Amino acid sequence: MHEALTIGQLAERSGVAPSALRYYERLGLIRAERTGGNQRRYARGELRRVAFIRISQQVGVSLEEIRAALDSLPASRTPSAEDWARLSRSWRDRLDEKIRLLGKLRDDLDGCIGCGCLSLRRCTLNNPGDSLAGDGPGARLLLPAPPATP
């Protein structure tokens, strides 16, 4: 493997603990070759995958969803810019919705934090008596309506 990294080098370069890298490998998110002495060696391209995993997790994407996205990338070669762009396009609507929800939460909480909820009638987090239970799980006044089930 050309310019292979040890697990320690990958951990240092990526800012991810070796234990997390081993976990990612066990889940199939990253790949390592093994030396004759059974030591892990990572291609430099794995740095990009680890960076993608970290940022995706930070915005609330599950490891299962991340694995599905990474599985869409070619395994036989280092992904090209077009490969990454295709993956990005497939997530665009979902990420735009996350951004919208984060903005709404930020804006709604600006009026709540420190106020003691003086306006419970308008509070998007208040659900007296769980009256919105029939509308689905979660903060129904903040979240979009769940998809209708057939």
C-alpha atoms as a PDB file:
ATOM      1  CA  MET A   1       0.000   0.000   0.000  1.00  0.00           C
ATOM      2  CA  HIS A   2       1.483   3.319  -1.106  1.00  0.00           C
ATOM      3  CA  GLU A   3       2.030   5.904   1.688  1.00  0.00           C
ATOM      4  CA  ALA A   4       0.140   3.841   4.258  1.00  0.00           C
ATOM      5  CA  LEU A   5      -0.625   5.247   7.698  1.00  0.00           C
ATOM      6  CA  THR A   6      -0.473   3.392  10.985  1.00  0.00           C
ATOM      7  CA  ILE A   7      -3.500   3.607  13.245  1.00  0.00           C
ATOM      8  CA  GLY A   8      -1.602   6.075  15.428  1.00  0.00           C
ATOM      9  CA  GLN A   9      -0.795   8.283  12.438  1.00  0.00           C
ATOM     10  CA  LEU A  10      -4.397   8.156  11.219  1.00  0.00           C
ATOM     11  CA  ALA A  11      -5.614   9.014  14.723  1.00  0.00           C
ATOM     12  CA  GLU A  12      -3.217  11.959  14.972  1.00  0.00           C
ATOM     13  CA  ARG A  13      -4.054  13.304  11.505  1.00  0.00           C
ATOM     14  CA  SER A  14      -7.821  12.849  11.869  1.00  0.00           C
ATOM     15  CA  GLY A  15      -8.258  13.789  15.517  1.00  0.00           C
ATOM     16  CA  VAL A  16     -10.139  10.534  16.122  1.00  0.00           C
ATOM     17  CA  ALA A  17      -9.090   8.117  18.862  1.00  0.00           C
ATOM     18  CA  PRO A  18      -7.623   4.777  17.758  1.00  0.00           C
ATOM     19  CA  SER A  19     -10.471   2.971  19.537  1.00  0.00           C
ATOM     20  CA  ALA A  20     -12.996   4.897  17.401  1.00  0.00           C
ATOM     21  CA  LEU A  21     -11.022   4.079  14.245  1.00  0.00           C
ATOM     22  CA  ARG A  22     -11.109   0.377  15.136  1.00  0.00           C
ATOM     23  CA  TYR A  23     -14.872   0.718  15.712  1.00  0.00           C
ATOM     24  CA  TYR A  24     -15.325   2.444  12.334  1.00  0.00           C
ATOM     25  CA  GLU A  25     -13.362  -0.359  10.726  1.00  0.00           C
ATOM     26  CA  ARG A  26     -15.481  -3.011  12.469  1.00  0.00           C
ATOM     27  CA  LEU A  27     -18.597  -1.282  11.085  1.00  0.00           C
ATOM     28  CA  GLY A  28     -17.116  -1.207   7.584  1.00  0.00           C
ATOM     29  CA  LEU A  29     -16.866   2.592   7.437  1.00  0.00           C
ATOM     30  CA  ILE A  30     -13.106   2.568   6.826  1.00  0.00           C
ATOM     31  CA  ARG A  31     -10.718  -0.112   5.582  1.00  0.00           C
ATOM     32  CA  ALA A  32      -7.240  -1.161   6.567  1.00  0.00           C
ATOM     33  CA  GLU A  33      -4.739  -3.570   5.103  1.00  0.00           C
ATOM     34  CA  ARG A  34      -2.770  -5.807   7.463  1.00  0.00           C
ATOM     35  CA  THR A  35       0.999  -6.205   7.544  1.00  0.00           C
ATOM     36  CA  GLY A  36       2.725  -9.550   7.987  1.00  0.00           C
ATOM     37  CA  GLY A  37       2.757  -8.761  11.705  1.00  0.00           C
ATOM     38  CA  ASN A  38      -1.046  -8.148  11.607  1.00  0.00           C
ATOM     39  CA  GLN A  39      -0.719  -4.380  12.101  1.00  0.00           C
ATOM     40  CA  ARG A  40      -3.245  -2.073  10.474  1.00  0.00           C
ATOM     41  CA  ARG A  41      -2.181   0.167   7.607  1.00  0.00           C
ATOM     42  CA  TYR A  42      -4.550   2.745   6.163  1.00  0.00           C
ATOM     43  CA  ALA A  43      -4.428   4.353   2.746  1.00  0.00           C
ATOM     44  CA  ARG A  44      -4.226   8.159   2.950  1.00  0.00           C
ATOM     45  CA  GLY A  45      -7.648   8.321   1.310  1.00  0.00           C
ATOM     46  CA  GLU A  46      -9.135   6.974   4.539  1.00  0.00           C
ATOM     47  CA  LEU A  47      -8.474  10.420   6.070  1.00  0.00           C
ATOM     48  CA  ARG A  48     -11.198  11.829   3.805  1.00  0.00           C
ATOM     49  CA  ARG A  49     -13.608   9.090   4.876  1.00  0.00           C
ATOM     50  CA  VAL A  50     -12.896   9.730   8.567  1.00  0.00           C
ATOM     51  CA  ALA A  51     -13.433  13.477   8.057  1.00  0.00           C
ATOM     52  CA  PHE A  52     -16.755  12.721   6.334  1.00  0.00           C
ATOM     53  CA  ILE A  53     -17.794  10.423   9.199  1.00  0.00           C
ATOM     54  CA  ARG A  54     -16.934  13.014  11.855  1.00  0.00           C
ATOM     55  CA  ILE A  55     -18.744  15.926  10.254  1.00  0.00           C
ATOM     56  CA  SER A  56     -21.765  13.768   9.389  1.00  0.00           C
ATOM     57  CA  GLN A  57     -22.035  12.608  12.996  1.00  0.00           C
ATOM     58  CA  GLN A  58     -21.744  16.181  14.242  1.00  0.00           C
ATOM     59  CA  VAL A  59     -24.833  17.179  12.255  1.00  0.00           C
ATOM     60  CA  GLY A  60     -26.804  14.196  13.531  1.00  0.00           C
ATOM     61  CA  VAL A  61     -26.425  11.615  10.768  1.00  0.00           C
ATOM     62  CA  SER A  62     -26.418   8.049  12.104  1.00  0.00           C
ATOM     63  CA  LEU A  63     -23.516   5.689  11.502  1.00  0.00           C
ATOM     64  CA  GLU A  64     -25.896   3.433   9.572  1.00  0.00           C
ATOM     65  CA  GLU A  65     -26.741   6.281   7.169  1.00  0.00           C
ATOM     66  CA  ILE A  66     -23.068   7.200   6.891  1.00  0.00           C
ATOM     67  CA  ARG A  67     -22.195   3.602   6.021  1.00  0.00           C
ATOM     68  CA  ALA A  68     -24.868   3.543   3.310  1.00  0.00           C
ATOM     69  CA  ALA A  69     -23.457   6.758   1.838  1.00  0.00           C
ATOM     70  CA  LEU A  70     -19.875   5.496   1.963  1.00  0.00           C
ATOM     71  CA  ASP A  71     -20.961   2.203   0.399  1.00  0.00           C
ATOM     72  CA  SER A  72     -22.095   4.229  -2.623  1.00  0.00           C
ATOM     73  CA  LEU A  73     -18.465   5.280  -3.215  1.00  0.00           C
ATOM     74  CA  PRO A  74     -16.209   3.065  -5.330  1.00  0.00           C
ATOM     75  CA  ALA A  75     -14.286   0.452  -3.322  1.00  0.00           C
ATOM     76  CA  SER A  76     -11.784  -0.297  -6.074  1.00  0.00           C
ATOM     77  CA  ARG A  77     -10.235   3.193  -6.220  1.00  0.00           C
ATOM     78  CA  THR A  78      -9.940   6.473  -4.356  1.00  0.00           C
ATOM     79  CA  PRO A  79     -13.223   8.371  -4.806  1.00  0.00           C
ATOM     80  CA  SER A  80     -13.017  11.243  -7.249  1.00  0.00           C
ATOM     81  CA  ALA A  81     -14.428  14.731  -6.811  1.00  0.00           C
ATOM     82  CA  GLU A  82     -17.411  13.629  -8.924  1.00  0.00           C
ATOM     83  CA  ASP A  83     -18.012  10.631  -6.628  1.00  0.00           C
ATOM     84  CA  TRP A  84     -18.115  12.948  -3.602  1.00  0.00           C
ATOM     85  CA  ALA A  85     -20.306  15.449  -5.482  1.00  0.00           C
ATOM     86  CA  ARG A  86     -22.810  12.691  -6.329  1.00  0.00           C
ATOM     87  CA  LEU A  87     -22.941  11.689  -2.650  1.00  0.00           C
ATOM     88  CA  SER A  88     -23.397  15.346  -1.686  1.00  0.00           C
ATOM     89  CA  ARG A  89     -26.290  15.756  -4.135  1.00  0.00           C
ATOM     90  CA  SER A  90     -28.013  12.698  -2.682  1.00  0.00           C
ATOM     91  CA  TRP A  91     -27.944  14.315   0.791  1.00  0.00           C
ATOM     92  CA  ARG A  92     -28.712  17.902  -0.244  1.00  0.00           C
ATOM     93  CA  ASP A  93     -32.464  17.925   0.497  1.00  0.00           C
ATOM     94  CA  ARG A  94     -31.966  16.175   3.820  1.00  0.00           C
ATOM     95  CA  LEU A  95     -29.212  18.560   4.886  1.00  0.00           C
ATOM     96  CA  ASP A  96     -31.242  21.586   3.775  1.00  0.00           C
ATOM     97  CA  GLU A  97     -34.112  20.368   5.986  1.00  0.00           C
ATOM     98  CA  LYS A  98     -31.703  19.930   8.938  1.00  0.00           C
ATOM     99  CA  ILE A  99     -30.430  23.474   8.400  1.00  0.00           C
ATOM    100  CA  ARG A 100     -34.013  24.781   8.321  1.00  0.00           C
ATOM    101  CA  LEU A 101     -34.879  22.938  11.543  1.00  0.00           C
ATOM    102  CA  LEU A 102     -31.714  24.130  13.291  1.00  0.00           C
ATOM    103  CA  GLY A 103     -32.515  27.713  12.312  1.00  0.00           C
ATOM    104  CA  LYS A 104     -36.079  27.344  13.567  1.00  0.00           C
ATOM    105  CA  LEU A 105     -34.891  25.860  16.858  1.00  0.00           C
ATOM    106  CA  ARG A 106     -32.333  28.646  17.280  1.00  0.00           C
ATOM    107  CA  ASP A 107     -34.870  31.341  16.524  1.00  0.00           C
ATOM    108  CA  ASP A 108     -37.585  29.819  18.703  1.00  0.00           C
ATOM    109  CA  LEU A 109     -35.219  29.254  21.626  1.00  0.00           C
ATOM    110  CA  ASP A 110     -33.976  32.845  21.437  1.00  0.00           C
ATOM    111  CA  GLY A 111     -37.352  33.851  22.847  1.00  0.00           C
ATOM    112  CA  CYS A 112     -37.393  31.082  25.486  1.00  0.00           C
ATOM    113  CA  ILE A 113     -33.989  30.920  27.095  1.00  0.00           C
ATOM    114  CA  GLY A 114     -34.026  32.791  30.350  1.00  0.00           C
ATOM    115  CA  CYS A 115     -37.629  33.971  30.021  1.00  0.00           C
ATOM    116  CA  GLY A 116     -39.203  31.315  32.205  1.00  0.00           C
ATOM    117  CA  CYS A 117     -41.644  30.646  29.380  1.00  0.00           C
ATOM    118  CA  LEU A 118     -43.899  33.568  30.109  1.00  0.00           C
ATOM    119  CA  SER A 119     -45.844  32.873  26.934  1.00  0.00           C
ATOM    120  CA  LEU A 120     -46.806  29.208  27.254  1.00  0.00           C
ATOM    121  CA  ARG A 121     -49.670  29.704  24.803  1.00  0.00           C
ATOM    122  CA  ARG A 122     -47.171  30.359  21.997  1.00  0.00           C
ATOM    123  CA  CYS A 123     -44.314  28.096  23.211  1.00  0.00           C
ATOM    124  CA  THR A 124     -43.290  25.569  20.541  1.00  0.00           C
ATOM    125  CA  LEU A 125     -42.013  23.201  23.239  1.00  0.00           C
ATOM    126  CA  ASN A 126     -45.145  23.259  25.429  1.00  0.00           C
ATOM    127  CA  ASN A 127     -47.664  20.446  24.944  1.00  0.00           C
ATOM    128  CA  PRO A 128     -50.046  20.484  27.937  1.00  0.00           C
ATOM    129  CA  GLY A 129     -51.581  17.115  28.681  1.00  0.00           C
ATOM    130  CA  ASP A 130     -49.695  15.649  25.702  1.00  0.00           C
ATOM    131  CA  SER A 131     -52.535  16.882  23.480  1.00  0.00           C
ATOM    132  CA  LEU A 132     -50.427  16.520  20.341  1.00  0.00           C
ATOM    133  CA  ALA A 133     -49.622  12.821  20.909  1.00  0.00           C
ATOM    134  CA  GLY A 134     -51.903  11.799  18.068  1.00  0.00           C
ATOM    135  CA  ASP A 135     -49.863  13.919  15.644  1.00  0.00           C
ATOM    136  CA  GLY A 136     -46.767  11.770  16.054  1.00  0.00           C
ATOM    137  CA  PRO A 137     -43.630  11.609  18.205  1.00  0.00           C
ATOM    138  CA  GLY A 138     -41.346  14.483  19.113  1.00  0.00           C
ATOM    139  CA  ALA A 139     -41.814  18.237  19.333  1.00  0.00           C
ATOM    140  CA  ARG A 140     -44.836  18.468  17.024  1.00  0.00           C
ATOM    141  CA  LEU A 141     -44.895  22.266  16.946  1.00  0.00           C
ATOM    142  CA  LEU A 142     -41.267  22.387  15.794  1.00  0.00           C
ATOM    143  CA  LEU A 143     -40.999  19.328  13.564  1.00  0.00           C
ATOM    144  CA  PRO A 144     -42.598  18.846  10.170  1.00  0.00           C
ATOM    145  CA  ALA A 145     -45.587  16.516  10.078  1.00  0.00           C
ATOM    146  CA  PRO A 146     -44.563  12.858   9.867  1.00  0.00           C
ATOM    147  CA  PRO A 147     -45.282  11.176   6.532  1.00  0.00           C
ATOM    148  CA  ALA A 148     -48.727   9.619   6.280  1.00  0.00           C
ATOM    149  CA  THR A 149     -48.768   5.844   6.615  1.00  0.00           C
ATOM    150  CA  PRO A 150     -50.778   3.915   4.014  1.00  0.00           C
END
